[in-house]
Amino acid sequence: MNSTKRGLPKSIPDRKLQTSPLAGVVNRNGHVVRVHIHLFADTEDEWALEVVGQDGSCTVWDDTFRDDVAAYEAFESAIAEDGLGSFSNEKPAGH
């Protein structure tokens, strides 16, 4: 295995995140996930979407979204297709 060590950047500027009001905990049929929808504040960046399952696993969308509603709709679409349990390997709470 070849690897190259690279120096860390001298400085990484602190950037504030703007979190969507649509972000938060979603609990359905005993499955619990935390939905993160955010962008860097004071930029023209698009919204990012990630979902953290109850087992700590994290799913991050490669695509970004023009607005937070589109990001949440992508989350809902994933639930409709694969179920909320697809974001975690654990059994639903209470089972």
C-alpha atoms as a PDB file:
ATOM      1  CA  MET A   1       0.000   0.000   0.000  1.00  0.00           C
ATOM      2  CA  ASN A   2       1.456   3.352  -1.001  1.00  0.00           C
ATOM      3  CA  SER A   3       0.700   6.388   1.056  1.00  0.00           C
ATOM      4  CA  THR A   4       1.954   9.910   1.158  1.00  0.00           C
ATOM      5  CA  LYS A   5       1.940  12.083   4.225  1.00  0.00           C
ATOM      6  CA  ARG A   6       0.704  15.548   3.610  1.00  0.00           C
ATOM      7  CA  GLY A   7       0.941  18.486   5.930  1.00  0.00           C
ATOM      8  CA  LEU A   8      -2.218  19.930   7.362  1.00  0.00           C
ATOM      9  CA  PRO A   9      -3.295  23.354   6.188  1.00  0.00           C
ATOM     10  CA  LYS A  10      -1.876  26.099   8.344  1.00  0.00           C
ATOM     11  CA  SER A  11      -5.290  27.495   9.119  1.00  0.00           C
ATOM     12  CA  ILE A  12      -8.835  26.390   8.492  1.00  0.00           C
ATOM     13  CA  PRO A  13     -11.221  29.298   8.941  1.00  0.00           C
ATOM     14  CA  ASP A  14     -14.110  28.789  11.314  1.00  0.00           C
ATOM     15  CA  ARG A  15     -17.361  28.778   9.424  1.00  0.00           C
ATOM     16  CA  LYS A  16     -20.798  28.957  10.948  1.00  0.00           C
ATOM     17  CA  LEU A  17     -23.472  26.536   9.851  1.00  0.00           C
ATOM     18  CA  GLN A  18     -27.031  27.588   9.236  1.00  0.00           C
ATOM     19  CA  THR A  19     -29.379  24.772  10.214  1.00  0.00           C
ATOM     20  CA  SER A  20     -32.779  24.353   8.613  1.00  0.00           C
ATOM     21  CA  PRO A  21     -35.871  24.372  10.823  1.00  0.00           C
ATOM     22  CA  LEU A  22     -36.792  21.137   8.997  1.00  0.00           C
ATOM     23  CA  ALA A  23     -33.844  19.375  10.628  1.00  0.00           C
ATOM     24  CA  GLY A  24     -34.392  17.355  13.780  1.00  0.00           C
ATOM     25  CA  VAL A  25     -35.349  13.989  15.195  1.00  0.00           C
ATOM     26  CA  VAL A  26     -37.726  11.764  13.228  1.00  0.00           C
ATOM     27  CA  ASN A  27     -39.356   8.807  14.996  1.00  0.00           C
ATOM     28  CA  ARG A  28     -41.556   6.396  13.060  1.00  0.00           C
ATOM     29  CA  ASN A  29     -42.515   2.846  13.960  1.00  0.00           C
ATOM     30  CA  GLY A  30     -39.828   2.733  16.631  1.00  0.00           C
ATOM     31  CA  HIS A  31     -37.026   3.825  14.289  1.00  0.00           C
ATOM     32  CA  VAL A  32     -35.323   7.056  15.321  1.00  0.00           C
ATOM     33  CA  VAL A  33     -32.993   9.153  13.177  1.00  0.00           C
ATOM     34  CA  ARG A  34     -31.608  12.659  13.370  1.00  0.00           C
ATOM     35  CA  VAL A  35     -31.911  14.642  10.134  1.00  0.00           C
ATOM     36  CA  HIS A  36     -29.261  17.319   9.523  1.00  0.00           C
ATOM     37  CA  ILE A  37     -29.985  19.900   6.830  1.00  0.00           C
ATOM     38  CA  HIS A  38     -27.486  22.734   6.741  1.00  0.00           C
ATOM     39  CA  LEU A  39     -25.329  25.089   4.733  1.00  0.00           C
ATOM     40  CA  PHE A  40     -22.491  27.456   5.503  1.00  0.00           C
ATOM     41  CA  ALA A  41     -23.991  30.718   6.758  1.00  0.00           C
ATOM     42  CA  ASP A  42     -23.585  33.868   4.675  1.00  0.00           C
ATOM     43  CA  THR A  43     -22.693  31.964   1.505  1.00  0.00           C
ATOM     44  CA  GLU A  44     -24.512  30.993  -1.630  1.00  0.00           C
ATOM     45  CA  ASP A  45     -23.793  27.311  -1.003  1.00  0.00           C
ATOM     46  CA  GLU A  46     -26.595  24.837  -1.466  1.00  0.00           C
ATOM     47  CA  TRP A  47     -28.101  22.788   1.367  1.00  0.00           C
ATOM     48  CA  ALA A  48     -26.464  19.532   2.482  1.00  0.00           C
ATOM     49  CA  LEU A  49     -28.403  16.555   3.839  1.00  0.00           C
ATOM     50  CA  GLU A  50     -27.242  13.852   6.222  1.00  0.00           C
ATOM     51  CA  VAL A  51     -29.115  11.371   8.378  1.00  0.00           C
ATOM     52  CA  VAL A  52     -27.697   9.793  11.537  1.00  0.00           C
ATOM     53  CA  GLY A  53     -29.296   6.485  12.559  1.00  0.00           C
ATOM     54  CA  GLN A  54     -29.957   5.364  16.129  1.00  0.00           C
ATOM     55  CA  ASP A  55     -26.836   3.185  15.918  1.00  0.00           C
ATOM     56  CA  GLY A  56     -24.689   6.201  15.011  1.00  0.00           C
ATOM     57  CA  SER A  57     -24.359   5.310  11.341  1.00  0.00           C
ATOM     58  CA  CYS A  58     -24.360   8.297   9.029  1.00  0.00           C
ATOM     59  CA  THR A  59     -25.768   8.656   5.520  1.00  0.00           C
ATOM     60  CA  VAL A  60     -24.684  11.738   3.568  1.00  0.00           C
ATOM     61  CA  TRP A  61     -26.186  12.676   0.217  1.00  0.00           C
ATOM     62  CA  ASP A  62     -23.632  13.390  -2.497  1.00  0.00           C
ATOM     63  CA  ASP A  63     -25.964  15.918  -4.071  1.00  0.00           C
ATOM     64  CA  THR A  64     -26.731  19.304  -2.573  1.00  0.00           C
ATOM     65  CA  PHE A  65     -30.133  21.001  -2.763  1.00  0.00           C
ATOM     66  CA  ARG A  66     -31.310  24.429  -3.875  1.00  0.00           C
ATOM     67  CA  ASP A  67     -33.325  24.846  -0.684  1.00  0.00           C
ATOM     68  CA  ASP A  68     -33.998  23.049   2.577  1.00  0.00           C
ATOM     69  CA  VAL A  69     -37.426  21.880   1.424  1.00  0.00           C
ATOM     70  CA  ALA A  70     -35.865  20.022  -1.514  1.00  0.00           C
ATOM     71  CA  ALA A  71     -33.395  18.396   0.905  1.00  0.00           C
ATOM     72  CA  TYR A  72     -36.198  17.255   3.220  1.00  0.00           C
ATOM     73  CA  GLU A  73     -38.168  15.949   0.235  1.00  0.00           C
ATOM     74  CA  ALA A  74     -35.134  13.830  -0.738  1.00  0.00           C
ATOM     75  CA  PHE A  75     -35.111  12.402   2.810  1.00  0.00           C
ATOM     76  CA  GLU A  76     -38.846  11.627   2.623  1.00  0.00           C
ATOM     77  CA  SER A  77     -38.353  10.017  -0.779  1.00  0.00           C
ATOM     78  CA  ALA A  78     -35.649   7.743   0.666  1.00  0.00           C
ATOM     79  CA  ILE A  79     -38.015   6.744   3.482  1.00  0.00           C
ATOM     80  CA  ALA A  80     -40.809   5.969   0.992  1.00  0.00           C
ATOM     81  CA  GLU A  81     -38.436   3.807  -1.043  1.00  0.00           C
ATOM     82  CA  ASP A  82     -36.375   2.059   1.641  1.00  0.00           C
ATOM     83  CA  GLY A  83     -38.047   2.754   5.001  1.00  0.00           C
ATOM     84  CA  LEU A  84     -36.717   4.718   7.962  1.00  0.00           C
ATOM     85  CA  GLY A  85     -35.039   1.578   9.302  1.00  0.00           C
ATOM     86  CA  SER A  86     -32.659   1.621   6.340  1.00  0.00           C
ATOM     87  CA  PHE A  87     -30.682   4.355   8.112  1.00  0.00           C
ATOM     88  CA  SER A  88     -29.762   2.065  11.022  1.00  0.00           C
ATOM     89  CA  ASN A  89     -28.734  -1.526  11.612  1.00  0.00           C
ATOM     90  CA  GLU A  90     -30.406  -1.670  15.025  1.00  0.00           C
ATOM     91  CA  LYS A  91     -33.860  -3.031  15.744  1.00  0.00           C
ATOM     92  CA  PRO A  92     -36.586  -0.469  16.368  1.00  0.00           C
ATOM     93  CA  ALA A  93     -36.815   0.949  19.875  1.00  0.00           C
ATOM     94  CA  GLY A  94     -39.040  -1.139  22.121  1.00  0.00           C
ATOM     95  CA  HIS A  95     -38.411  -4.408  20.229  1.00  0.00           C
END
